[in-house]
Amino acid sequence: MPSNKTESIDKPEIRISVSKDGTLACLFGHVDMDSSPAVREQLLVVVRAADPKIVSVDLSAVTHFDSSGIATLIDALRVARSSKTQLTLRGLDGRLLHLFELTGILSLFNGDTESSQSGYKAI
């Protein structure tokens, strides 16, 4: 019987943590054309519900990220700005950081590459 371990590891997931300082959305797995609609939907719920109006998206556990993932983040940023929510990125390094710098997307966000999650409580 074939193993689906690769599929389950790469399936996108979002884990949400909150603190008095804001919300942390940790993305895991593949964010691509097939998965980005579900990621977008979950991320927009987080952005709209944030209290206080600060959301950080941690990308350190993302294993694959394509242009549809970038479009998802830009859409989340548009919604955040319209609801006066600050949206920042964390956990960018290696190829993903290079992609964001090369495309100029990083300048749209605050460019915060911290990976610390201290002070956040999972919900």
C-alpha atoms as a PDB file:
ATOM      1  CA  MET A   1       0.000   0.000   0.000  1.00  0.00           C
ATOM      2  CA  PRO A   2       1.530   3.369  -1.022  1.00  0.00           C
ATOM      3  CA  SER A   3       2.363   5.867   1.680  1.00  0.00           C
ATOM      4  CA  ASN A   4       0.799   9.328   1.696  1.00  0.00           C
ATOM      5  CA  LYS A   5       3.388  10.788   4.065  1.00  0.00           C
ATOM      6  CA  THR A   6       4.652  13.334   1.521  1.00  0.00           C
ATOM      7  CA  GLU A   7       1.122  14.465   0.756  1.00  0.00           C
ATOM      8  CA  SER A   8       0.244  14.928   4.431  1.00  0.00           C
ATOM      9  CA  ILE A   9       3.507  16.744   5.184  1.00  0.00           C
ATOM     10  CA  ASP A  10       3.043  19.176   2.296  1.00  0.00           C
ATOM     11  CA  LYS A  11      -0.654  19.811   2.875  1.00  0.00           C
ATOM     12  CA  PRO A  12      -1.029  23.457   3.872  1.00  0.00           C
ATOM     13  CA  GLU A  13      -2.030  24.234   7.410  1.00  0.00           C
ATOM     14  CA  ILE A  14      -2.448  27.406   9.430  1.00  0.00           C
ATOM     15  CA  ARG A  15      -1.982  27.474  13.196  1.00  0.00           C
ATOM     16  CA  ILE A  16      -3.237  30.570  14.971  1.00  0.00           C
ATOM     17  CA  SER A  17      -1.850  31.967  18.216  1.00  0.00           C
ATOM     18  CA  VAL A  18      -3.010  35.082  20.032  1.00  0.00           C
ATOM     19  CA  SER A  19      -1.493  37.327  22.653  1.00  0.00           C
ATOM     20  CA  LYS A  20      -2.195  40.745  24.068  1.00  0.00           C
ATOM     21  CA  ASP A  21       0.145  42.063  21.351  1.00  0.00           C
ATOM     22  CA  GLY A  22      -1.626  40.550  18.340  1.00  0.00           C
ATOM     23  CA  THR A  23      -2.251  37.403  16.317  1.00  0.00           C
ATOM     24  CA  LEU A  24       0.329  35.051  14.852  1.00  0.00           C
ATOM     25  CA  ALA A  25      -0.648  32.902  11.854  1.00  0.00           C
ATOM     26  CA  CYS A  26       1.905  30.142  11.203  1.00  0.00           C
ATOM     27  CA  LEU A  27       1.708  28.625   7.720  1.00  0.00           C
ATOM     28  CA  PHE A  28       2.974  25.078   7.094  1.00  0.00           C
ATOM     29  CA  GLY A  29       3.463  23.002   3.935  1.00  0.00           C
ATOM     30  CA  HIS A  30       2.878  23.784   0.263  1.00  0.00           C
ATOM     31  CA  VAL A  31       1.155  27.024  -0.675  1.00  0.00           C
ATOM     32  CA  ASP A  32       0.454  26.745  -4.385  1.00  0.00           C
ATOM     33  CA  MET A  33      -2.315  27.109  -6.954  1.00  0.00           C
ATOM     34  CA  ASP A  34      -4.211  24.133  -5.525  1.00  0.00           C
ATOM     35  CA  SER A  35      -3.966  25.079  -1.863  1.00  0.00           C
ATOM     36  CA  SER A  36      -3.872  28.877  -1.878  1.00  0.00           C
ATOM     37  CA  PRO A  37      -7.687  29.370  -2.047  1.00  0.00           C
ATOM     38  CA  ALA A  38      -8.105  27.529   1.273  1.00  0.00           C
ATOM     39  CA  VAL A  39      -5.111  29.339   2.795  1.00  0.00           C
ATOM     40  CA  ARG A  40      -6.516  32.668   1.579  1.00  0.00           C
ATOM     41  CA  GLU A  41      -9.923  31.968   3.110  1.00  0.00           C
ATOM     42  CA  GLN A  42      -8.420  31.090   6.509  1.00  0.00           C
ATOM     43  CA  LEU A  43      -5.981  33.989   6.465  1.00  0.00           C
ATOM     44  CA  LEU A  44      -8.699  36.513   5.629  1.00  0.00           C
ATOM     45  CA  VAL A  45     -10.790  35.276   8.567  1.00  0.00           C
ATOM     46  CA  VAL A  46      -7.786  35.821  10.839  1.00  0.00           C
ATOM     47  CA  VAL A  47      -7.102  39.312   9.464  1.00  0.00           C
ATOM     48  CA  ARG A  48     -10.726  40.401   9.796  1.00  0.00           C
ATOM     49  CA  ALA A  49     -11.066  39.034  13.350  1.00  0.00           C
ATOM     50  CA  ALA A  50      -7.751  40.338  14.710  1.00  0.00           C
ATOM     51  CA  ASP A  51      -7.950  42.177  18.015  1.00  0.00           C
ATOM     52  CA  PRO A  52      -5.706  44.019  18.551  1.00  0.00           C
ATOM     53  CA  LYS A  53      -5.342  44.917  14.893  1.00  0.00           C
ATOM     54  CA  ILE A  54      -1.914  43.295  14.446  1.00  0.00           C
ATOM     55  CA  VAL A  55      -1.347  40.055  12.503  1.00  0.00           C
ATOM     56  CA  SER A  56       2.018  38.427  11.824  1.00  0.00           C
ATOM     57  CA  VAL A  57       2.299  35.643   9.261  1.00  0.00           C
ATOM     58  CA  ASP A  58       5.112  33.181   9.982  1.00  0.00           C
ATOM     59  CA  LEU A  59       6.347  31.478   6.805  1.00  0.00           C
ATOM     60  CA  SER A  60       9.275  29.577   8.354  1.00  0.00           C
ATOM     61  CA  ALA A  61       7.570  26.177   7.955  1.00  0.00           C
ATOM     62  CA  VAL A  62       6.400  26.683   4.359  1.00  0.00           C
ATOM     63  CA  THR A  63       7.970  24.028   2.108  1.00  0.00           C
ATOM     64  CA  HIS A  64       6.828  25.441  -1.242  1.00  0.00           C
ATOM     65  CA  PHE A  65       5.464  28.866  -2.161  1.00  0.00           C
ATOM     66  CA  ASP A  66       4.474  29.976  -5.657  1.00  0.00           C
ATOM     67  CA  SER A  67       2.939  33.079  -7.221  1.00  0.00           C
ATOM     68  CA  SER A  68      -0.548  32.144  -6.022  1.00  0.00           C
ATOM     69  CA  GLY A  69       0.818  32.209  -2.462  1.00  0.00           C
ATOM     70  CA  ILE A  70       2.188  35.685  -3.091  1.00  0.00           C
ATOM     71  CA  ALA A  71      -1.207  36.739  -4.466  1.00  0.00           C
ATOM     72  CA  THR A  72      -2.833  35.327  -1.318  1.00  0.00           C
ATOM     73  CA  LEU A  73      -0.568  37.417   0.923  1.00  0.00           C
ATOM     74  CA  ILE A  74      -1.145  40.548  -1.156  1.00  0.00           C
ATOM     75  CA  ASP A  75      -4.900  40.014  -0.948  1.00  0.00           C
ATOM     76  CA  ALA A  76      -4.620  39.569   2.834  1.00  0.00           C
ATOM     77  CA  LEU A  77      -2.586  42.798   2.973  1.00  0.00           C
ATOM     78  CA  ARG A  78      -5.278  44.635   0.982  1.00  0.00           C
ATOM     79  CA  VAL A  79      -7.982  43.430   3.387  1.00  0.00           C
ATOM     80  CA  ALA A  80      -5.789  44.243   6.394  1.00  0.00           C
ATOM     81  CA  ARG A  81      -5.207  47.782   5.206  1.00  0.00           C
ATOM     82  CA  SER A  82      -8.912  48.324   4.541  1.00  0.00           C
ATOM     83  CA  SER A  83      -9.691  47.201   8.101  1.00  0.00           C
ATOM     84  CA  LYS A  84      -6.767  49.183   9.570  1.00  0.00           C
ATOM     85  CA  THR A  85      -4.943  45.995  10.613  1.00  0.00           C
ATOM     86  CA  GLN A  86      -1.148  45.796  10.534  1.00  0.00           C
ATOM     87  CA  LEU A  87       0.006  42.696   8.618  1.00  0.00           C
ATOM     88  CA  THR A  88       3.649  41.655   8.908  1.00  0.00           C
ATOM     89  CA  LEU A  89       5.748  38.700   7.770  1.00  0.00           C
ATOM     90  CA  ARG A  90       8.062  36.515   9.859  1.00  0.00           C
ATOM     91  CA  GLY A  91      10.269  33.523   9.249  1.00  0.00           C
ATOM     92  CA  LEU A  92      11.515  34.531   5.815  1.00  0.00           C
ATOM     93  CA  ASP A  93      14.884  33.070   4.919  1.00  0.00           C
ATOM     94  CA  GLY A  94      16.718  31.348   2.091  1.00  0.00           C
ATOM     95  CA  ARG A  95      14.892  31.036  -1.207  1.00  0.00           C
ATOM     96  CA  LEU A  96      11.650  32.439   0.138  1.00  0.00           C
ATOM     97  CA  LEU A  97      13.348  35.594   1.408  1.00  0.00           C
ATOM     98  CA  HIS A  98      15.168  35.928  -1.924  1.00  0.00           C
ATOM     99  CA  LEU A  99      11.845  35.554  -3.810  1.00  0.00           C
ATOM    100  CA  PHE A 100      10.211  38.272  -1.707  1.00  0.00           C
ATOM    101  CA  GLU A 101      13.188  40.608  -2.096  1.00  0.00           C
ATOM    102  CA  LEU A 102      13.539  39.949  -5.837  1.00  0.00           C
ATOM    103  CA  THR A 103       9.871  40.606  -6.569  1.00  0.00           C
ATOM    104  CA  GLY A 104       9.733  43.681  -4.333  1.00  0.00           C
ATOM    105  CA  ILE A 105       6.930  42.147  -2.288  1.00  0.00           C
ATOM    106  CA  LEU A 106       8.907  42.410   0.944  1.00  0.00           C
ATOM    107  CA  SER A 107       8.756  46.204   0.795  1.00  0.00           C
ATOM    108  CA  LEU A 108       4.937  46.038   0.984  1.00  0.00           C
ATOM    109  CA  PHE A 109       5.196  44.410   4.397  1.00  0.00           C
ATOM    110  CA  ASN A 110       7.406  45.428   7.292  1.00  0.00           C
ATOM    111  CA  GLY A 111      10.040  42.814   6.412  1.00  0.00           C
ATOM    112  CA  ASP A 112      10.141  41.436   9.963  1.00  0.00           C
ATOM    113  CA  THR A 113      12.030  38.139   9.726  1.00  0.00           C
ATOM    114  CA  GLU A 114      11.877  37.243  13.414  1.00  0.00           C
ATOM    115  CA  SER A 115      10.857  33.695  14.202  1.00  0.00           C
ATOM    116  CA  SER A 116      10.213  34.149  17.921  1.00  0.00           C
ATOM    117  CA  GLN A 117       6.733  33.239  19.069  1.00  0.00           C
ATOM    118  CA  SER A 118       7.160  34.024  22.764  1.00  0.00           C
ATOM    119  CA  GLY A 119       4.142  35.636  24.328  1.00  0.00           C
ATOM    120  CA  TYR A 120       1.650  33.883  22.043  1.00  0.00           C
ATOM    121  CA  LYS A 121      -0.943  31.375  23.198  1.00  0.00           C
ATOM    122  CA  ALA A 122      -2.387  28.804  20.790  1.00  0.00           C
ATOM    123  CA  ILE A 123      -6.131  28.897  20.139  1.00  0.00           C
END
